[in-house]
Amino acid sequence: MKNLIMSILPFVTIFAVIGNLQATGKPKVHFKTTMGDFTVELEPDKAPQTVANFLQYVREGHYDGLIFHRVIKAFMVQGGGFDKNYNKTATREPIENEADKGIPNERGTIAMARTNDPHSATNQFFINVKFNGFLNHRSKSQQGWGYTAFGRVIDGMSIVGRISMMKTGSGGPFPSDVPVEQVIIEKAKIISD
């Protein structure tokens, strides 16, 4: 029996190492906000251009000091595009929509915000606070492209939930859905790349 255990042990160790590599192989971004902290794990295999775009904004410190400017209870929280004075931030060129190969817009997933143009996502993102299947890709048409989900909250979803429950009203150029008490992203930082 002892010999059997000793012969299996190297294989168990190899599988443990491979498991750790797979578990740590995805980029993670930690958000420190005035409401609390949360961490997202990204899916570069599913949405490579989207993940690369998002990580570039994080590396540049783009999200530091910005607000969650749109919060809709039982739907999502959105940020990444406006500062505390509701000034729109500069962006790079839009990226291609990858919702056709991304992950579903499930509770806790982070996705790219965009205009009516399916390929207009730049810096703004949102976090789904419930399953929003209607945002998923259905077809390569104007109405069917969907929204690219490219990662998920792995720690601090309760903080995101608290943000989603905040009292909202008007603010800056927005007539509604703006948190009355601002939620500021103090720091977004890559903690695993």
N, C-alpha and C. Protein backbone atom coordinates (compact mmCIF):
# COMPACT_ATOMS: atom_id res chain seq x y z
N MET A 1 0.82 -1.20 0.00
CA MET A 1 0.00 0.00 0.00
C MET A 1 0.87 1.26 0.00
N LYS A 2 1.93 1.22 0.83
CA LYS A 2 2.83 2.37 0.90
C LYS A 2 3.48 2.63 -0.45
N ASN A 3 3.87 1.54 -1.14
CA ASN A 3 4.49 1.69 -2.46
C ASN A 3 3.51 2.30 -3.46
N LEU A 4 2.25 1.90 -3.39
CA LEU A 4 1.23 2.45 -4.28
C LEU A 4 1.06 3.95 -4.06
N ILE A 5 0.98 4.35 -2.79
CA ILE A 5 0.84 5.78 -2.46
C ILE A 5 2.05 6.56 -2.96
N MET A 6 3.26 6.00 -2.75
CA MET A 6 4.48 6.68 -3.18
C MET A 6 4.55 6.80 -4.70
N SER A 7 4.00 5.81 -5.42
CA SER A 7 4.04 5.87 -6.88
C SER A 7 2.99 6.84 -7.44
N ILE A 8 1.90 7.03 -6.73
CA ILE A 8 0.84 7.96 -7.17
C ILE A 8 1.19 9.40 -6.81
N LEU A 9 1.94 9.61 -5.75
CA LEU A 9 2.24 10.94 -5.24
C LEU A 9 2.81 11.91 -6.29
N PRO A 10 3.77 11.50 -7.12
CA PRO A 10 4.28 12.44 -8.13
C PRO A 10 3.19 12.93 -9.09
N PHE A 11 2.26 12.02 -9.45
CA PHE A 11 1.19 12.41 -10.36
C PHE A 11 0.21 13.38 -9.70
N VAL A 12 -0.08 13.16 -8.43
CA VAL A 12 -0.94 14.07 -7.68
C VAL A 12 -0.31 15.45 -7.62
N THR A 13 1.00 15.49 -7.38
CA THR A 13 1.73 16.76 -7.31
C THR A 13 1.68 17.48 -8.65
N ILE A 14 1.88 16.74 -9.76
CA ILE A 14 1.84 17.35 -11.09
C ILE A 14 0.46 17.93 -11.37
N PHE A 15 -0.59 17.16 -11.05
CA PHE A 15 -1.95 17.66 -11.28
C PHE A 15 -2.26 18.88 -10.41
N ALA A 16 -1.72 18.90 -9.21
CA ALA A 16 -1.92 20.06 -8.33
C ALA A 16 -1.24 21.29 -8.92
N VAL A 17 -0.04 21.12 -9.46
CA VAL A 17 0.68 22.25 -10.08
C VAL A 17 -0.07 22.75 -11.30
N ILE A 18 -0.53 21.82 -12.16
CA ILE A 18 -1.29 22.21 -13.35
C ILE A 18 -2.56 22.94 -12.93
N GLY A 19 -3.24 22.42 -11.90
CA GLY A 19 -4.45 23.08 -11.40
C GLY A 19 -4.17 24.49 -10.93
N ASN A 20 -3.07 24.68 -10.23
CA ASN A 20 -2.69 26.02 -9.75
C ASN A 20 -2.37 26.94 -10.92
N LEU A 21 -1.69 26.41 -11.94
CA LEU A 21 -1.38 27.24 -13.11
C LEU A 21 -2.67 27.69 -13.80
N GLN A 22 -3.60 26.75 -13.94
CA GLN A 22 -4.86 27.11 -14.59
C GLN A 22 -5.63 28.11 -13.74
N ALA A 23 -5.62 27.92 -12.44
CA ALA A 23 -6.37 28.81 -11.55
C ALA A 23 -5.76 30.21 -11.51
N THR A 24 -4.44 30.30 -11.66
CA THR A 24 -3.79 31.61 -11.57
C THR A 24 -3.45 32.19 -12.93
N GLY A 25 -3.81 31.48 -14.01
CA GLY A 25 -3.44 31.93 -15.34
C GLY A 25 -4.28 33.06 -15.89
N LYS A 26 -5.37 33.41 -15.26
CA LYS A 26 -6.25 34.47 -15.76
C LYS A 26 -5.94 35.77 -15.03
N PRO A 27 -5.93 36.89 -15.79
CA PRO A 27 -5.68 38.18 -15.14
C PRO A 27 -6.77 38.53 -14.13
N LYS A 28 -6.35 39.16 -13.05
CA LYS A 28 -7.28 39.62 -12.02
C LYS A 28 -7.05 41.10 -11.78
N VAL A 29 -8.14 41.82 -11.61
CA VAL A 29 -8.09 43.26 -11.34
C VAL A 29 -8.85 43.54 -10.06
N HIS A 30 -8.19 44.25 -9.15
CA HIS A 30 -8.78 44.62 -7.86
C HIS A 30 -9.25 46.07 -7.92
N PHE A 31 -10.50 46.31 -7.54
CA PHE A 31 -11.07 47.65 -7.50
C PHE A 31 -11.23 48.07 -6.04
N LYS A 32 -10.63 49.18 -5.69
CA LYS A 32 -10.83 49.80 -4.37
C LYS A 32 -11.79 50.96 -4.59
N THR A 33 -12.95 50.91 -3.95
CA THR A 33 -13.95 51.97 -4.13
C THR A 33 -14.32 52.56 -2.78
N THR A 34 -15.03 53.67 -2.82
CA THR A 34 -15.48 54.31 -1.58
C THR A 34 -16.57 53.49 -0.89
N MET A 35 -17.10 52.48 -1.56
CA MET A 35 -18.13 51.61 -0.98
C MET A 35 -17.53 50.31 -0.46
N GLY A 36 -16.31 50.00 -0.88
CA GLY A 36 -15.66 48.74 -0.53
C GLY A 36 -14.92 48.19 -1.74
N ASP A 37 -14.28 47.05 -1.57
CA ASP A 37 -13.44 46.48 -2.63
C ASP A 37 -14.08 45.27 -3.28
N PHE A 38 -13.73 45.06 -4.56
CA PHE A 38 -14.10 43.82 -5.24
C PHE A 38 -13.02 43.49 -6.26
N THR A 39 -12.98 42.22 -6.64
CA THR A 39 -11.96 41.73 -7.57
C THR A 39 -12.64 41.00 -8.72
N VAL A 40 -12.16 41.24 -9.94
CA VAL A 40 -12.67 40.53 -11.11
C VAL A 40 -11.57 39.66 -11.70
N GLU A 41 -11.97 38.51 -12.22
CA GLU A 41 -11.06 37.63 -12.96
C GLU A 41 -11.50 37.66 -14.41
N LEU A 42 -10.56 37.91 -15.31
CA LEU A 42 -10.89 38.11 -16.72
C LEU A 42 -10.69 36.84 -17.54
N GLU A 43 -11.32 36.80 -18.71
CA GLU A 43 -11.31 35.62 -19.58
C GLU A 43 -10.66 35.94 -20.94
N PRO A 44 -9.33 36.02 -20.99
CA PRO A 44 -8.67 36.35 -22.26
C PRO A 44 -8.87 35.31 -23.35
N ASP A 45 -9.13 34.05 -22.99
CA ASP A 45 -9.37 33.03 -24.01
C ASP A 45 -10.70 33.23 -24.72
N LYS A 46 -11.65 33.83 -24.01
CA LYS A 46 -13.00 34.02 -24.57
C LYS A 46 -13.13 35.37 -25.29
N ALA A 47 -12.48 36.40 -24.77
CA ALA A 47 -12.62 37.76 -25.33
C ALA A 47 -11.26 38.47 -25.30
N PRO A 48 -10.30 38.02 -26.11
CA PRO A 48 -8.93 38.52 -26.01
C PRO A 48 -8.77 40.01 -26.26
N GLN A 49 -9.44 40.55 -27.26
CA GLN A 49 -9.31 41.98 -27.56
C GLN A 49 -9.94 42.82 -26.46
N THR A 50 -11.07 42.38 -25.95
CA THR A 50 -11.76 43.10 -24.88
C THR A 50 -10.92 43.12 -23.61
N VAL A 51 -10.36 41.97 -23.24
CA VAL A 51 -9.53 41.88 -22.04
C VAL A 51 -8.28 42.75 -22.19
N ALA A 52 -7.63 42.69 -23.35
CA ALA A 52 -6.43 43.50 -23.59
C ALA A 52 -6.74 44.99 -23.50
N ASN A 53 -7.88 45.39 -24.06
CA ASN A 53 -8.31 46.79 -24.01
C ASN A 53 -8.54 47.24 -22.57
N PHE A 54 -9.28 46.43 -21.82
CA PHE A 54 -9.59 46.75 -20.43
C PHE A 54 -8.31 46.84 -19.59
N LEU A 55 -7.42 45.87 -19.74
CA LEU A 55 -6.17 45.87 -18.97
C LEU A 55 -5.31 47.08 -19.31
N GLN A 56 -5.33 47.52 -20.56
CA GLN A 56 -4.56 48.71 -20.93
C GLN A 56 -5.08 49.95 -20.20
N TYR A 57 -6.39 50.08 -20.13
CA TYR A 57 -6.98 51.20 -19.37
C TYR A 57 -6.57 51.11 -17.89
N VAL A 58 -6.58 49.90 -17.34
CA VAL A 58 -6.19 49.73 -15.93
C VAL A 58 -4.73 50.12 -15.75
N ARG A 59 -3.84 49.62 -16.63
CA ARG A 59 -2.41 49.94 -16.53
C ARG A 59 -2.15 51.44 -16.58
N GLU A 60 -2.93 52.14 -17.38
CA GLU A 60 -2.76 53.59 -17.53
C GLU A 60 -3.34 54.38 -16.36
N GLY A 61 -4.00 53.70 -15.41
CA GLY A 61 -4.62 54.39 -14.28
C GLY A 61 -5.89 55.12 -14.67
N HIS A 62 -6.45 54.75 -15.80
CA HIS A 62 -7.61 55.45 -16.35
C HIS A 62 -8.81 55.46 -15.40
N TYR A 63 -9.05 54.34 -14.71
CA TYR A 63 -10.25 54.22 -13.88
C TYR A 63 -10.12 54.88 -12.51
N ASP A 64 -8.91 55.21 -12.12
CA ASP A 64 -8.69 55.80 -10.79
C ASP A 64 -9.35 57.18 -10.70
N GLY A 65 -10.24 57.33 -9.73
CA GLY A 65 -10.94 58.60 -9.52
C GLY A 65 -12.25 58.73 -10.28
N LEU A 66 -12.61 57.72 -11.07
CA LEU A 66 -13.88 57.78 -11.80
C LEU A 66 -15.01 57.23 -10.94
N ILE A 67 -16.23 57.42 -11.40
CA ILE A 67 -17.41 57.05 -10.62
C ILE A 67 -18.23 55.95 -11.31
N PHE A 68 -19.07 55.30 -10.52
CA PHE A 68 -20.14 54.49 -11.08
C PHE A 68 -21.28 55.47 -11.34
N HIS A 69 -21.50 55.79 -12.60
CA HIS A 69 -22.43 56.86 -12.95
C HIS A 69 -23.84 56.36 -13.29
N ARG A 70 -24.00 55.04 -13.42
CA ARG A 70 -25.31 54.50 -13.78
C ARG A 70 -25.55 53.23 -12.98
N VAL A 71 -26.61 53.24 -12.19
CA VAL A 71 -26.94 52.11 -11.32
C VAL A 71 -28.43 51.82 -11.47
N ILE A 72 -28.73 50.59 -11.87
CA ILE A 72 -30.12 50.19 -12.00
C ILE A 72 -30.33 48.92 -11.17
N LYS A 73 -31.15 49.06 -10.13
CA LYS A 73 -31.41 47.95 -9.19
C LYS A 73 -31.89 46.72 -9.96
N ALA A 74 -31.42 45.56 -9.58
CA ALA A 74 -31.79 44.29 -10.20
C ALA A 74 -31.43 44.25 -11.68
N PHE A 75 -30.39 44.99 -12.08
CA PHE A 75 -29.93 44.94 -13.46
C PHE A 75 -28.40 45.00 -13.51
N MET A 76 -27.82 46.21 -13.27
CA MET A 76 -26.37 46.34 -13.37
C MET A 76 -25.88 47.64 -12.75
N VAL A 77 -24.55 47.72 -12.58
CA VAL A 77 -23.88 48.96 -12.17
C VAL A 77 -22.83 49.27 -13.24
N GLN A 78 -22.75 50.55 -13.65
CA GLN A 78 -21.89 50.93 -14.77
C GLN A 78 -20.95 52.06 -14.37
N GLY A 79 -19.72 51.96 -14.83
CA GLY A 79 -18.72 52.99 -14.56
C GLY A 79 -17.64 52.99 -15.61
N GLY A 80 -16.59 53.78 -15.32
CA GLY A 80 -15.42 53.78 -16.18
C GLY A 80 -15.34 54.89 -17.19
N GLY A 81 -16.33 55.80 -17.22
CA GLY A 81 -16.31 56.82 -18.26
C GLY A 81 -16.43 58.25 -17.80
N PHE A 82 -16.72 58.48 -16.50
CA PHE A 82 -16.95 59.84 -16.02
C PHE A 82 -16.26 60.07 -14.69
N ASP A 83 -15.76 61.31 -14.52
CA ASP A 83 -15.13 61.67 -13.25
C ASP A 83 -16.18 62.20 -12.28
N LYS A 84 -15.74 62.65 -11.11
CA LYS A 84 -16.65 63.10 -10.05
C LYS A 84 -17.49 64.30 -10.46
N ASN A 85 -17.00 65.08 -11.45
CA ASN A 85 -17.74 66.24 -11.93
C ASN A 85 -18.55 65.93 -13.18
N TYR A 86 -18.68 64.65 -13.50
CA TYR A 86 -19.41 64.16 -14.66
C TYR A 86 -18.78 64.57 -15.98
N ASN A 87 -17.49 64.82 -15.96
CA ASN A 87 -16.76 65.05 -17.20
C ASN A 87 -16.47 63.71 -17.84
N LYS A 88 -16.76 63.59 -19.13
CA LYS A 88 -16.50 62.35 -19.85
C LYS A 88 -15.00 62.25 -20.09
N THR A 89 -14.44 61.08 -19.87
CA THR A 89 -12.99 60.89 -20.01
C THR A 89 -12.63 60.54 -21.46
N ALA A 90 -11.39 60.84 -21.82
CA ALA A 90 -10.89 60.52 -23.16
C ALA A 90 -10.76 59.00 -23.32
N THR A 91 -10.95 58.51 -24.52
CA THR A 91 -10.87 57.08 -24.78
C THR A 91 -9.94 56.80 -25.96
N ARG A 92 -9.57 55.54 -26.09
CA ARG A 92 -8.89 55.09 -27.29
C ARG A 92 -9.95 54.68 -28.30
N GLU A 93 -9.52 54.16 -29.44
CA GLU A 93 -10.45 53.73 -30.49
C GLU A 93 -11.36 52.61 -29.98
N PRO A 94 -12.59 52.54 -30.49
CA PRO A 94 -13.50 51.45 -30.10
C PRO A 94 -12.93 50.09 -30.51
N ILE A 95 -13.42 49.06 -29.85
CA ILE A 95 -12.97 47.70 -30.15
C ILE A 95 -14.11 46.89 -30.78
N GLU A 96 -13.74 45.79 -31.39
CA GLU A 96 -14.72 44.89 -31.99
C GLU A 96 -15.50 44.17 -30.90
N ASN A 97 -16.77 43.98 -31.14
CA ASN A 97 -17.63 43.24 -30.23
C ASN A 97 -17.25 41.76 -30.26
N GLU A 98 -17.02 41.17 -29.09
CA GLU A 98 -16.67 39.76 -28.99
C GLU A 98 -17.73 38.96 -28.25
N ALA A 99 -18.95 39.49 -28.22
CA ALA A 99 -20.02 38.79 -27.50
C ALA A 99 -20.34 37.44 -28.12
N ASP A 100 -20.01 37.26 -29.41
CA ASP A 100 -20.29 35.98 -30.06
C ASP A 100 -19.40 34.86 -29.55
N LYS A 101 -18.29 35.20 -28.89
CA LYS A 101 -17.44 34.15 -28.32
C LYS A 101 -17.15 34.38 -26.83
N GLY A 102 -17.73 35.44 -26.27
CA GLY A 102 -17.53 35.75 -24.85
C GLY A 102 -18.35 34.85 -23.96
N ILE A 103 -18.48 35.22 -22.71
CA ILE A 103 -19.23 34.42 -21.75
C ILE A 103 -20.62 35.03 -21.57
N PRO A 104 -21.59 34.27 -21.05
CA PRO A 104 -22.95 34.80 -20.87
C PRO A 104 -22.98 35.93 -19.84
N ASN A 105 -23.92 36.83 -20.00
CA ASN A 105 -24.12 37.94 -19.06
C ASN A 105 -24.87 37.44 -17.83
N GLU A 106 -24.16 36.67 -17.01
CA GLU A 106 -24.71 36.11 -15.79
C GLU A 106 -24.46 37.06 -14.62
N ARG A 107 -25.09 36.78 -13.49
CA ARG A 107 -24.86 37.57 -12.29
C ARG A 107 -23.37 37.56 -11.95
N GLY A 108 -22.82 38.75 -11.72
CA GLY A 108 -21.42 38.87 -11.34
C GLY A 108 -20.45 39.01 -12.49
N THR A 109 -20.93 38.93 -13.72
CA THR A 109 -20.01 39.10 -14.85
C THR A 109 -19.78 40.58 -15.14
N ILE A 110 -18.58 40.88 -15.63
CA ILE A 110 -18.24 42.24 -16.05
C ILE A 110 -18.31 42.25 -17.57
N ALA A 111 -18.92 43.29 -18.12
CA ALA A 111 -19.14 43.39 -19.56
C ALA A 111 -18.85 44.81 -20.03
N MET A 112 -18.65 44.95 -21.33
CA MET A 112 -18.38 46.27 -21.91
C MET A 112 -19.68 46.99 -22.23
N ALA A 113 -19.76 48.26 -21.85
CA ALA A 113 -20.87 49.11 -22.24
C ALA A 113 -20.59 49.63 -23.64
N ARG A 114 -21.61 49.98 -24.35
CA ARG A 114 -21.47 50.50 -25.71
C ARG A 114 -22.69 51.31 -26.11
N THR A 115 -22.63 51.93 -27.27
CA THR A 115 -23.77 52.65 -27.81
C THR A 115 -24.61 51.67 -28.64
N ASN A 116 -25.51 52.17 -29.47
CA ASN A 116 -26.29 51.31 -30.36
C ASN A 116 -25.44 50.62 -31.41
N ASP A 117 -24.26 51.17 -31.68
CA ASP A 117 -23.32 50.53 -32.60
C ASP A 117 -22.69 49.35 -31.86
N PRO A 118 -22.87 48.13 -32.34
CA PRO A 118 -22.34 46.96 -31.63
C PRO A 118 -20.83 47.01 -31.40
N HIS A 119 -20.11 47.71 -32.25
CA HIS A 119 -18.64 47.75 -32.17
C HIS A 119 -18.14 49.12 -31.69
N SER A 120 -18.75 49.62 -30.62
CA SER A 120 -18.42 50.97 -30.14
C SER A 120 -17.86 50.99 -28.72
N ALA A 121 -17.61 49.83 -28.12
CA ALA A 121 -17.12 49.79 -26.74
C ALA A 121 -15.72 50.41 -26.65
N THR A 122 -15.50 51.20 -25.60
CA THR A 122 -14.18 51.79 -25.38
C THR A 122 -13.74 51.52 -23.94
N ASN A 123 -14.11 52.42 -23.03
CA ASN A 123 -13.62 52.33 -21.64
C ASN A 123 -14.69 51.97 -20.61
N GLN A 124 -15.95 52.17 -20.93
CA GLN A 124 -16.99 51.94 -19.93
C GLN A 124 -17.34 50.46 -19.81
N PHE A 125 -17.60 50.04 -18.58
CA PHE A 125 -17.93 48.66 -18.29
C PHE A 125 -19.12 48.62 -17.34
N PHE A 126 -19.74 47.47 -17.23
CA PHE A 126 -20.80 47.29 -16.24
C PHE A 126 -20.68 45.90 -15.64
N ILE A 127 -21.26 45.75 -14.46
CA ILE A 127 -21.30 44.47 -13.78
C ILE A 127 -22.76 44.06 -13.63
N ASN A 128 -23.08 42.90 -14.15
CA ASN A 128 -24.44 42.37 -14.05
C ASN A 128 -24.73 41.95 -12.62
N VAL A 129 -25.86 42.39 -12.08
CA VAL A 129 -26.22 41.98 -10.72
C VAL A 129 -27.31 40.90 -10.72
N LYS A 130 -27.69 40.45 -11.92
CA LYS A 130 -28.57 39.29 -12.07
C LYS A 130 -28.29 38.71 -13.45
N PHE A 131 -28.88 37.58 -13.75
CA PHE A 131 -28.73 36.99 -15.07
C PHE A 131 -29.46 37.87 -16.08
N ASN A 132 -28.72 38.42 -17.04
CA ASN A 132 -29.30 39.30 -18.06
C ASN A 132 -29.11 38.66 -19.44
N GLY A 133 -29.80 37.54 -19.63
CA GLY A 133 -29.67 36.78 -20.87
C GLY A 133 -29.99 37.57 -22.13
N PHE A 134 -30.85 38.56 -22.01
CA PHE A 134 -31.21 39.36 -23.19
C PHE A 134 -30.03 40.18 -23.71
N LEU A 135 -28.95 40.29 -22.92
CA LEU A 135 -27.74 41.01 -23.37
C LEU A 135 -26.76 40.09 -24.12
N ASN A 136 -27.05 38.80 -24.16
CA ASN A 136 -26.15 37.85 -24.82
C ASN A 136 -26.26 37.95 -26.34
N HIS A 137 -25.23 37.47 -27.01
CA HIS A 137 -25.19 37.43 -28.48
C HIS A 137 -26.24 36.46 -29.01
N ARG A 138 -27.00 36.93 -30.02
CA ARG A 138 -27.99 36.08 -30.68
C ARG A 138 -27.71 35.95 -32.17
N SER A 139 -27.20 37.01 -32.77
CA SER A 139 -26.89 37.00 -34.20
C SER A 139 -25.97 38.17 -34.52
N LYS A 140 -25.32 38.12 -35.68
CA LYS A 140 -24.42 39.20 -36.08
C LYS A 140 -25.21 40.27 -36.83
N SER A 141 -26.21 40.80 -36.13
CA SER A 141 -27.04 41.88 -36.66
C SER A 141 -27.02 43.03 -35.65
N GLN A 142 -27.50 44.18 -36.07
CA GLN A 142 -27.53 45.36 -35.19
C GLN A 142 -28.19 45.05 -33.85
N GLN A 143 -29.31 44.37 -33.89
CA GLN A 143 -30.06 44.08 -32.68
C GLN A 143 -29.55 42.83 -31.94
N GLY A 144 -28.85 41.95 -32.64
CA GLY A 144 -28.51 40.67 -32.05
C GLY A 144 -27.11 40.50 -31.51
N TRP A 145 -26.24 41.51 -31.73
CA TRP A 145 -24.83 41.33 -31.34
C TRP A 145 -24.65 41.08 -29.85
N GLY A 146 -25.39 41.79 -29.03
CA GLY A 146 -25.24 41.62 -27.59
C GLY A 146 -24.09 42.42 -27.02
N TYR A 147 -23.78 42.17 -25.75
CA TYR A 147 -22.75 42.89 -25.00
C TYR A 147 -21.69 41.90 -24.53
N THR A 148 -20.44 42.24 -24.75
CA THR A 148 -19.34 41.33 -24.44
C THR A 148 -19.07 41.25 -22.95
N ALA A 149 -19.40 40.11 -22.36
CA ALA A 149 -18.99 39.81 -20.98
C ALA A 149 -17.62 39.15 -21.06
N PHE A 150 -16.67 39.62 -20.24
CA PHE A 150 -15.28 39.18 -20.41
C PHE A 150 -14.61 38.79 -19.10
N GLY A 151 -15.39 38.60 -18.05
CA GLY A 151 -14.84 38.19 -16.76
C GLY A 151 -15.93 38.15 -15.72
N ARG A 152 -15.53 37.88 -14.49
CA ARG A 152 -16.53 37.81 -13.43
C ARG A 152 -15.94 38.25 -12.10
N VAL A 153 -16.81 38.73 -11.24
CA VAL A 153 -16.41 39.10 -9.88
C VAL A 153 -16.14 37.82 -9.11
N ILE A 154 -14.94 37.71 -8.56
CA ILE A 154 -14.59 36.51 -7.78
C ILE A 154 -14.49 36.82 -6.29
N ASP A 155 -14.51 38.09 -5.93
CA ASP A 155 -14.48 38.49 -4.53
C ASP A 155 -15.13 39.86 -4.40
N GLY A 156 -16.02 40.02 -3.43
CA GLY A 156 -16.64 41.32 -3.18
C GLY A 156 -17.94 41.56 -3.92
N MET A 157 -18.62 40.49 -4.35
CA MET A 157 -19.90 40.69 -5.05
C MET A 157 -20.92 41.35 -4.13
N SER A 158 -20.77 41.20 -2.83
CA SER A 158 -21.69 41.87 -1.90
C SER A 158 -21.54 43.39 -2.00
N ILE A 159 -20.32 43.86 -2.29
CA ILE A 159 -20.09 45.31 -2.48
C ILE A 159 -20.81 45.78 -3.74
N VAL A 160 -20.68 45.01 -4.82
CA VAL A 160 -21.37 45.35 -6.06
C VAL A 160 -22.88 45.37 -5.81
N GLY A 161 -23.36 44.39 -5.06
CA GLY A 161 -24.78 44.35 -4.71
C GLY A 161 -25.22 45.58 -3.94
N ARG A 162 -24.40 46.02 -3.00
CA ARG A 162 -24.73 47.24 -2.24
C ARG A 162 -24.79 48.46 -3.15
N ILE A 163 -23.86 48.54 -4.09
CA ILE A 163 -23.87 49.67 -5.04
C ILE A 163 -25.17 49.64 -5.84
N SER A 164 -25.59 48.46 -6.25
CA SER A 164 -26.79 48.34 -7.09
C SER A 164 -28.06 48.74 -6.35
N MET A 165 -28.02 48.74 -5.02
CA MET A 165 -29.20 49.07 -4.22
C MET A 165 -29.25 50.53 -3.79
N MET A 166 -28.27 51.32 -4.21
CA MET A 166 -28.21 52.72 -3.77
C MET A 166 -29.36 53.55 -4.31
N LYS A 167 -29.70 54.55 -3.56
CA LYS A 167 -30.71 55.51 -4.01
C LYS A 167 -30.13 56.28 -5.19
N THR A 168 -30.94 56.47 -6.23
CA THR A 168 -30.48 57.17 -7.44
C THR A 168 -31.38 58.35 -7.78
N GLY A 169 -30.87 59.20 -8.63
CA GLY A 169 -31.61 60.37 -9.11
C GLY A 169 -30.89 60.91 -10.33
N SER A 170 -30.98 62.22 -10.53
CA SER A 170 -30.28 62.83 -11.66
C SER A 170 -28.90 63.29 -11.20
N GLY A 171 -28.01 63.44 -12.17
CA GLY A 171 -26.66 63.91 -11.87
C GLY A 171 -25.93 64.24 -13.15
N GLY A 172 -25.27 65.37 -13.20
CA GLY A 172 -24.55 65.77 -14.41
C GLY A 172 -25.49 65.77 -15.60
N PRO A 173 -25.09 65.14 -16.71
CA PRO A 173 -25.94 65.13 -17.91
C PRO A 173 -27.02 64.05 -17.88
N PHE A 174 -27.08 63.28 -16.79
CA PHE A 174 -27.99 62.13 -16.74
C PHE A 174 -29.26 62.46 -15.97
N PRO A 175 -30.43 62.23 -16.58
CA PRO A 175 -31.70 62.56 -15.91
C PRO A 175 -32.09 61.56 -14.81
N SER A 176 -31.48 60.37 -14.81
CA SER A 176 -31.86 59.36 -13.81
C SER A 176 -30.76 58.33 -13.65
N ASP A 177 -30.95 57.41 -12.68
CA ASP A 177 -30.08 56.25 -12.44
C ASP A 177 -28.68 56.59 -11.95
N VAL A 178 -28.47 57.82 -11.47
CA VAL A 178 -27.17 58.22 -10.94
C VAL A 178 -27.21 58.09 -9.41
N PRO A 179 -26.25 57.37 -8.80
CA PRO A 179 -26.26 57.29 -7.34
C PRO A 179 -26.24 58.67 -6.70
N VAL A 180 -27.13 58.90 -5.75
CA VAL A 180 -27.19 60.18 -5.05
C VAL A 180 -25.89 60.42 -4.29
N GLU A 181 -25.38 59.36 -3.66
CA GLU A 181 -24.06 59.42 -3.02
C GLU A 181 -23.07 58.78 -3.99
N GLN A 182 -22.09 59.54 -4.43
CA GLN A 182 -21.15 59.03 -5.42
C GLN A 182 -20.35 57.84 -4.91
N VAL A 183 -20.19 56.86 -5.81
CA VAL A 183 -19.30 55.73 -5.55
C VAL A 183 -18.10 55.92 -6.47
N ILE A 184 -16.95 56.16 -5.85
CA ILE A 184 -15.73 56.49 -6.60
C ILE A 184 -14.79 55.29 -6.64
N ILE A 185 -14.25 55.01 -7.81
CA ILE A 185 -13.20 54.01 -7.94
C ILE A 185 -11.90 54.70 -7.53
N GLU A 186 -11.44 54.41 -6.34
CA GLU A 186 -10.21 55.04 -5.86
C GLU A 186 -8.98 54.49 -6.59
N LYS A 187 -9.00 53.17 -6.86
CA LYS A 187 -7.86 52.55 -7.52
C LYS A 187 -8.32 51.24 -8.18
N ALA A 188 -7.92 51.06 -9.44
CA ALA A 188 -8.07 49.77 -10.12
C ALA A 188 -6.66 49.28 -10.40
N LYS A 189 -6.37 48.06 -9.97
CA LYS A 189 -4.99 47.57 -10.04
C LYS A 189 -4.97 46.12 -10.49
N ILE A 190 -4.06 45.80 -11.40
CA ILE A 190 -3.87 44.41 -11.83
C ILE A 190 -3.11 43.70 -10.71
N ILE A 191 -3.71 42.61 -10.21
CA ILE A 191 -3.03 41.87 -9.13
C ILE A 191 -2.52 40.53 -9.61
N SER A 192 -2.92 40.13 -10.81
CA SER A 192 -2.42 38.89 -11.42
C SER A 192 -2.57 39.05 -12.92
N ASP A 193 -1.48 38.88 -13.66
CA ASP A 193 -1.52 39.11 -15.10
C ASP A 193 -1.02 37.91 -15.87
